[in-house]
Protein backbone atom coordinates (compact mmCIF):
# COMPACT_ATOMS: atom_id res chain seq x y z
CA MET A 1 111.77 92.69 75.12
CA LYS A 2 110.74 89.75 72.82
CA THR A 3 112.86 87.49 70.87
CA LEU A 4 112.26 87.23 66.91
CA GLN A 5 114.02 86.22 63.95
CA PHE A 6 115.02 88.87 61.29
CA ARG A 7 112.17 87.60 59.08
CA GLU A 8 109.68 87.64 62.08
CA ALA A 9 110.66 91.21 62.56
CA ILE A 10 110.25 92.08 58.86
CA ALA A 11 106.71 90.82 58.63
CA GLU A 12 106.08 92.20 61.67
CA ALA A 13 106.68 95.56 60.76
CA MET A 14 104.88 95.25 57.35
CA SER A 15 101.39 93.69 58.91
CA GLU A 16 101.67 96.74 61.81
CA GLU A 17 102.07 99.15 59.39
CA MET A 18 99.49 97.50 56.90
CA ARG A 19 96.99 97.41 60.01
CA ARG A 20 97.47 101.09 60.64
CA ASP A 21 96.92 102.40 56.78
CA GLU A 22 95.01 100.62 54.37
CA SER A 23 96.63 102.55 51.71
CA ILE A 24 99.87 100.16 51.95
CA TYR A 25 100.07 96.73 50.50
CA LEU A 26 102.71 93.96 49.56
CA MET A 27 103.06 92.90 46.04
CA GLY A 28 106.22 90.50 44.52
CA GLU A 29 107.01 87.18 43.65
CA GLU A 30 105.78 84.30 45.93
CA VAL A 31 104.82 87.06 48.82
CA ALA A 32 101.32 85.92 49.24
CA GLU A 33 100.45 82.05 48.80
CA TYR A 34 103.82 80.86 49.58
CA ASN A 35 104.54 83.06 52.50
CA GLY A 36 107.51 84.74 51.09
CA ALA A 37 110.46 83.06 49.48
CA TYR A 38 112.42 83.56 52.60
CA LYS A 39 108.97 83.12 55.12
CA ALA A 40 109.14 87.21 55.35
CA SER A 41 105.48 87.43 54.55
CA LYS A 42 104.31 84.54 56.44
CA GLY A 43 100.43 85.03 57.42
CA MET A 44 100.17 88.14 55.66
CA LEU A 45 97.98 86.45 52.83
CA ASP A 46 95.68 85.48 55.42
CA GLU A 47 95.15 88.44 57.44
CA PHE A 48 94.87 91.16 54.50
CA GLY A 49 93.52 89.12 51.66
CA PRO A 50 94.45 88.88 47.94
CA GLU A 51 94.12 92.28 47.34
CA ARG A 52 96.79 93.79 49.77
CA VAL A 53 99.18 90.89 49.59
CA ILE A 54 99.64 90.18 45.59
CA ASP A 55 101.65 87.61 44.25
CA THR A 56 103.35 88.65 40.69
CA PRO A 57 104.47 87.18 37.40
CA ILE A 58 108.25 86.95 37.15
CA SER A 59 107.84 90.57 35.79
CA GLU A 60 110.16 92.81 38.34
CA LEU A 61 109.89 95.59 35.38
CA GLY A 62 105.90 95.34 35.34
CA PHE A 63 105.16 95.40 39.10
CA ALA A 64 108.00 98.00 39.80
CA GLY A 65 106.18 100.36 37.63
CA VAL A 66 103.01 99.01 38.87
CA GLY A 67 103.93 99.91 42.00
CA VAL A 68 105.30 103.56 41.21
CA GLY A 69 102.27 104.56 39.40
CA SER A 70 100.01 103.30 42.21
CA ALA A 71 102.37 105.39 44.83
CA MET A 72 101.36 108.35 42.20
CA ASN A 73 97.63 107.95 42.93
CA GLY A 74 97.85 107.50 46.82
CA ASN A 75 99.05 104.16 47.61
CA ARG A 76 101.99 103.11 49.82
CA PRO A 77 103.15 100.01 47.92
CA ILE A 78 105.79 97.88 49.36
CA ILE A 79 107.49 95.84 46.41
CA GLU A 80 109.50 92.60 47.23
CA PHE A 81 112.32 91.66 45.10
CA MET A 82 113.29 88.08 45.81
CA THR A 83 117.01 89.58 45.42
CA PHE A 84 118.02 92.93 44.22
CA ASN A 85 120.22 91.08 41.99
CA PHE A 86 116.55 90.62 40.16
CA SER A 87 116.02 94.58 40.67
CA LEU A 88 118.12 95.11 37.97
CA VAL A 89 115.33 94.09 35.53
CA GLY A 90 113.18 96.88 36.87
CA ILE A 91 115.91 99.24 37.47
CA ASP A 92 114.49 101.87 34.72
CA GLN A 93 111.59 102.17 37.15
CA ILE A 94 113.42 102.66 40.45
CA ILE A 95 116.08 105.06 38.83
CA ASN A 96 114.00 106.74 35.88
CA ASN A 97 110.60 107.00 37.65
CA ALA A 98 110.65 106.57 41.54
CA ALA A 99 113.80 108.90 42.13
CA LYS A 100 112.62 111.49 39.58
CA ILE A 101 108.98 111.92 39.65
CA ARG A 102 108.87 114.37 42.52
CA GLN A 103 111.49 116.94 41.07
CA MET A 104 109.96 116.35 37.53
CA SER A 105 106.37 117.07 38.54
CA GLY A 106 107.14 120.20 40.14
CA GLY A 107 106.47 118.36 43.81
CA GLN A 108 102.73 117.60 42.73
CA PHE A 109 103.75 113.99 43.39
CA ASP A 110 105.18 111.94 46.34
CA ILE A 111 106.42 108.62 45.59
CA PRO A 112 105.87 106.84 49.17
CA ILE A 113 107.10 103.36 47.97
CA VAL A 114 109.61 100.57 49.41
CA PHE A 115 111.52 98.39 47.46
CA ARG A 116 112.87 95.73 49.72
CA GLY A 117 114.52 92.40 49.35
CA PRO A 118 117.92 90.47 49.96
CA THR A 119 121.03 91.81 48.94
CA ALA A 120 124.92 90.68 48.53
CA SER A 121 126.34 87.10 48.82
CA ALA A 122 124.34 84.23 50.32
CA GLY A 123 126.65 81.44 50.03
CA GLN A 124 127.47 79.29 46.83
CA LEU A 125 124.78 81.67 44.87
CA ALA A 126 127.60 82.35 42.11
CA ALA A 127 128.33 85.79 40.09
CA THR A 128 124.90 86.85 39.03
CA HIS A 129 123.14 86.25 42.33
CA SER A 130 125.78 87.53 45.27
CA GLN A 131 125.82 91.34 44.27
CA ALA A 132 125.81 94.29 46.46
CA PHE A 133 124.19 97.07 45.12
CA GLU A 134 124.06 99.53 47.63
CA SER A 135 126.16 102.15 46.27
CA TRP A 136 124.43 101.76 43.10
CA TYR A 137 120.91 103.26 44.40
CA ALA A 138 122.81 105.47 46.91
CA ASN A 139 124.56 107.13 44.12
CA CYS A 140 120.94 108.47 42.60
CA PRO A 141 119.31 111.44 44.21
CA GLY A 142 115.71 110.89 45.10
CA LEU A 143 116.64 107.63 46.76
CA LYS A 144 117.16 106.70 50.35
CA VAL A 145 118.81 103.63 51.03
CA VAL A 146 118.79 101.53 54.17
CA VAL A 147 120.68 98.19 55.33
CA PRO A 148 119.72 96.75 58.57
CA SER A 149 122.04 94.27 60.52
CA ASN A 150 119.49 92.88 63.11
CA PRO A 151 116.04 92.12 64.12
CA ALA A 152 115.25 95.12 66.24
CA ASP A 153 116.74 97.56 63.45
CA ALA A 154 114.97 95.85 60.75
CA LYS A 155 111.78 96.30 62.16
CA GLY A 156 111.85 100.13 63.59
CA LEU A 157 113.79 100.90 60.03
CA LEU A 158 111.12 99.30 57.95
CA LYS A 159 108.30 100.97 59.67
CA SER A 160 109.99 104.26 58.97
CA ALA A 161 110.72 103.26 55.48
CA ILE A 162 106.81 102.76 54.99
CA ARG A 163 105.96 106.01 56.19
CA ASP A 164 108.50 107.87 54.35
CA ASN A 165 107.04 110.05 51.30
CA ASP A 166 110.14 109.29 49.18
CA PRO A 167 110.98 106.01 47.61
CA VAL A 168 113.36 104.14 50.12
CA ILE A 169 115.51 100.94 48.93
CA PHE A 170 115.44 98.59 51.81
CA MET A 171 118.37 95.78 51.51
CA GLU A 172 118.18 92.74 53.83
CA SER A 173 120.14 89.36 53.55
CA GLU A 174 119.36 85.89 53.06
CA GLN A 175 121.85 84.63 55.43
CA MET A 176 119.95 86.98 58.16
CA TYR A 177 116.39 85.92 58.16
CA GLY A 178 116.90 83.30 60.60
CA ASP A 179 119.07 85.55 62.68
CA LYS A 180 117.49 85.87 66.14
CA GLY A 181 117.58 89.35 68.25
CA GLU A 182 115.58 91.50 70.98
CA VAL A 183 113.14 93.24 69.75
CA PRO A 184 111.11 95.92 71.74
CA GLU A 185 107.70 95.12 72.70
CA GLY A 186 104.95 98.01 71.35
CA GLU A 187 105.33 100.37 68.98
CA TYR A 188 108.47 102.02 67.72
CA THR A 189 110.31 103.53 64.94
CA ILE A 190 113.95 104.08 64.12
CA PRO A 191 114.70 107.31 62.64
CA LEU A 192 116.30 107.00 58.83
CA GLY A 193 119.73 108.67 58.52
CA VAL A 194 120.98 108.01 61.74
CA ALA A 195 123.85 105.09 62.78
CA ASP A 196 124.51 103.76 65.47
CA ILE A 197 127.37 102.98 67.78
CA LYS A 198 127.00 99.48 68.51
CA ARG A 199 130.12 99.00 70.74
CA GLU A 200 132.08 102.14 72.34
CA GLY A 201 135.63 101.96 72.01
CA SER A 202 138.72 104.44 72.03
CA ASP A 203 141.40 103.02 69.63
CA VAL A 204 140.08 102.73 66.35
CA THR A 205 136.83 103.43 64.82
CA ILE A 206 135.22 100.38 62.73
CA VAL A 207 132.47 101.48 60.17
CA SER A 208 130.35 98.69 58.69
CA PHE A 209 126.45 97.93 57.98
CA GLY A 210 124.53 94.69 56.88
CA LYS A 211 125.23 91.15 57.55
CA ILE A 212 129.07 91.57 57.19
CA ILE A 213 128.99 93.76 60.31
CA LYS A 214 128.94 90.48 62.20
CA GLU A 215 132.77 90.21 60.98
CA ALA A 216 133.79 93.38 62.86
CA TYR A 217 131.74 91.97 66.23
CA LYS A 218 134.28 88.65 65.90
CA ALA A 219 137.31 91.20 65.08
CA ALA A 220 136.48 93.44 68.01
CA ASP A 221 136.32 90.17 70.24
CA GLU A 222 139.91 89.00 69.50
CA LEU A 223 141.54 92.38 69.50
CA GLU A 224 139.75 93.23 72.94
CA LYS A 225 142.30 90.22 74.35
CA GLU A 226 145.18 92.36 72.83
CA ASN A 227 143.76 95.18 74.60
CA ILE A 228 142.93 97.11 71.60
CA SER A 229 139.86 98.94 72.13
CA CYS A 230 137.28 99.13 69.09
CA GLU A 231 134.19 101.31 68.30
CA ILE A 232 131.85 99.60 66.02
CA ILE A 233 129.26 101.94 64.12
CA ASP A 234 126.40 100.48 62.11
CA LEU A 235 125.20 102.77 59.40
CA ARG A 236 121.89 101.25 59.31
CA THR A 237 121.34 104.11 56.48
CA VAL A 238 123.70 104.34 53.56
CA ARG A 239 121.76 107.29 52.42
CA PRO A 240 121.21 109.44 54.09
CA MET A 241 124.49 109.07 55.42
CA ASP A 242 124.98 109.76 59.22
CA HIS A 243 128.70 111.46 58.76
CA GLU A 244 128.13 113.00 62.23
CA THR A 245 128.59 110.16 64.10
CA ILE A 246 131.38 108.64 62.17
CA LEU A 247 133.07 112.26 62.38
CA ASN A 248 132.79 112.39 66.15
CA SER A 249 134.31 109.07 66.54
CA VAL A 250 137.24 109.57 64.23
CA LYS A 251 137.94 112.80 66.52
CA LYS A 252 137.91 110.50 69.45
CA THR A 253 139.96 107.22 68.14
CA ASN A 254 142.03 108.92 65.23
CA ARG A 255 141.84 105.85 63.06
CA MET A 256 139.41 104.12 60.88
CA VAL A 257 138.43 100.53 59.26
CA ILE A 258 135.42 100.37 57.00
CA LEU A 259 134.25 96.78 56.29
CA GLU A 260 131.91 96.47 53.28
CA GLU A 261 130.73 93.91 51.32
CA ALA A 262 130.80 95.28 47.71
CA TRP A 263 133.23 95.36 45.10
CA PRO A 264 136.47 98.35 45.84
CA PHE A 265 135.61 100.67 43.00
CA GLY A 266 133.59 103.54 44.11
CA ASN A 267 131.87 102.07 46.94
CA VAL A 268 130.12 103.34 49.97
CA ALA A 269 133.38 103.12 51.70
CA THR A 270 135.08 105.76 49.47
CA GLU A 271 132.50 108.25 50.08
CA ILE A 272 133.02 107.73 53.87
CA ILE A 273 136.64 108.37 53.13
CA TYR A 274 136.14 111.64 51.51
CA HIS A 275 134.23 113.36 53.96
CA ALA A 276 136.50 112.04 56.85
CA GLN A 277 139.39 113.44 55.49
CA ASP A 278 137.69 116.63 54.29
CA LYS A 279 136.22 117.37 57.78
CA ALA A 280 138.50 115.46 60.21
CA PHE A 281 141.88 115.20 58.43
CA ASP A 282 143.71 116.94 61.24
CA TYR A 283 142.45 114.27 63.53
CA LEU A 284 143.93 111.34 61.90
CA ASP A 285 147.17 109.55 62.87
CA ALA A 286 147.01 106.91 60.01
CA PRO A 287 145.55 106.35 56.73
CA ILE A 288 142.21 104.97 56.54
CA VAL A 289 141.64 101.31 55.57
CA LYS A 290 138.91 100.09 53.71
CA LEU A 291 137.84 96.34 53.24
CA ASN A 292 136.04 94.73 50.36
CA THR A 293 135.35 91.93 48.38
CA ALA A 294 137.76 91.15 45.60
CA ASP A 295 137.67 92.96 42.35
CA THR A 296 135.95 90.19 40.67
CA PRO A 297 132.35 88.23 40.13
CA ALA A 298 131.54 86.34 43.15
CA PRO A 299 132.86 83.11 42.57
CA TYR A 300 130.79 79.74 42.93
CA SER A 301 133.58 77.84 44.56
CA PRO A 302 133.39 77.69 48.32
CA VAL A 303 137.23 78.03 48.69
CA LEU A 304 137.38 80.91 46.37
CA LEU A 305 134.13 82.55 47.95
CA GLU A 306 136.06 82.35 51.23
CA GLU A 307 138.85 84.31 50.06
CA TRP A 308 136.62 86.70 48.32
CA LEU A 309 134.70 87.81 50.98
CA PRO A 310 136.31 90.16 53.86
CA ASN A 311 136.51 88.33 57.37
CA TYR A 312 137.55 89.08 60.90
CA LYS A 313 141.02 88.03 60.35
CA ASP A 314 141.00 90.78 57.64
CA VAL A 315 139.27 93.28 59.72
CA ILE A 316 142.21 92.24 62.53
CA LYS A 317 144.86 92.82 60.38
CA ALA A 318 143.51 96.26 59.20
CA VAL A 319 143.27 97.34 62.60
CA LYS A 320 146.86 96.74 63.44
CA LYS A 321 147.84 98.45 60.54
CA VAL A 322 146.29 101.58 61.12
CA LEU A 323 147.86 101.09 64.85
CA TYR A 324 151.27 100.39 63.47
CA LYS A 325 151.28 96.97 65.21
CA ASP A 326 151.31 94.96 61.93
């Protein structure tokens, strides 16, 4: 094992795949000369040159479309958005082209493209730069949606995403790029659609993904002091979702809390709850609790932002609620 920052794991995954396959290239704002807005493509321009690491104008609709067209013609582009808030400018290319061309062409065209960049809040960046769109993209057939929470998962999942013949939305976090973690030496991939049990437990299942899962870990550490055992599942891939791992855990613990950094209406948590009540209703000993942000745009004020985001104290309260200890 070796220790890498999250940004280094992302760069390493892209570089390894680009060495393996000359049809892969990276395109986006400041990915080349500046080494990436978050230094997630550091050194790649020097190694692969300007034809495969391409700086673009501020034109997400344009370079997203170029990526889709080049994927139709045999390339495997990685399109970086400086944040997924900016992907809204290019969402027509993602939803109406990347996600649909395979079906609309009768299977004549694969679209092996990865759209990647940061998602959700990153401190005081205010309402238009703090949005989580995982459930938006996961709602669209034809797209796969991946949200890693640590460097090792990020590298293995990104390599799988790049090799996939369908479009993949790969969502990171500005607040995780500096996170350090152990990453396996040598070649490895992590299959899409497989969740990971990060912590074994017996009293309650906590399901989460992305950077907010850190709050679940903090809560589990505190609850352990009270002899409450939490099982934590990291979805890793939102679509396709690994319902089997979630259901098996719920059948063991009989209780579930879902922690997600997204608005409360129509999100990933609601999809998990539907499947749980459909397939494991008789195993549940308490109503499922989901934790989301407040139902407002993200505030700029640090005091309000702290209240807007769910945190480990909210997780502790939710766990005690499903255990009837509140």
